[in-house]
Amino acid sequence: MPGAPDSPVILHVPHSSRRIPAPVRAGIGLDDAALERELDHITDAHTAELAAAAARAAVVTPWRFVNRLSRLVVDPERFPDEREEMLSVGMGAVYTRTTHRAPLRSADIDPRPLIDRYFHPYAAAMTAAVADRLAVAGRAVIVDVHSYPAARMPYELHGDGPRPQVCLGTDSFHTPPELIALAEKAFAGLSGVGIDSPFSGAYVPLRYYERDPRVTALMVEIRRDTYMTEPGGPTGPGFSRLTSALTALVDAMVSE
């Protein structure tokens, strides 16, 4: 969604949707009830609403890039090849396992049709959004808005560390210390902000990844019990506090 012409900020929301097109649903082995339970666990519920609320409240409206399909269709933040470490638990760009490591799709599925149909167009559109911010604003700041469960899920590869209310995921090339400091200040009102635990990294389109320092990025992972009833339930009073904190971060990134 368009923001202010001069804003460099893109709020990226990749995992908030539960929508699965019928042809894709046909390739998923879960029955309807099991699929709904899996969507409760895997979906970053209410993160699109959080980004929208922060965008409305910001002094300079950020741009928003929101995935309208479930990550069970494709996960646009995974590497689409053998570089992706989550392949080891059946969660590459096309998932074959659930959050509890049960079969989701056939393990020998050819992922290429789904990657060609959904992954590459998404990546191209996000690349174009970043290119537009670089052309107009001279820089692009990607804030990846996620959530994660309070208790470690079986699919997590690095889930044995701290699980703060807000985890800031960083990238050694694209996340400068100043951006981390702005985020720590913006979320200071919450009880606990951590770095790269239980999740690390930040999404940058591959065209710019480790190539263009004008593209900076930060992942904001919010522990779900901070703002909602788990799994997949309604928002609670913490939602408004998070909206204020994310708005403060957006405002700070524009004025830096």
Foldseek 3Di string as FASTA:
>chain_A
DDWALQAQEEEEEQAAEADDDPVLQVQWDDDPVVSVVLSLARGQHCLVVLLVLLQVPAPTRHHYHYHHYHCQLFRLQFDQDPVGPLVVLQHGRHRQATLQSHGTGPPPDDCVVSCVVPRVVSLVVVVVVNVSNCVRNVAHEYEYEGEHEPDRTPSQPQAPDDDFQKEKAADPQAADPVLVVLLCVLLVVGDGYYYQPPHHDFDDRPVPVSNDNSYHYMYIYGHVVQFADPRPGDGDPSSVSSSSSVSSSSNVVRVD
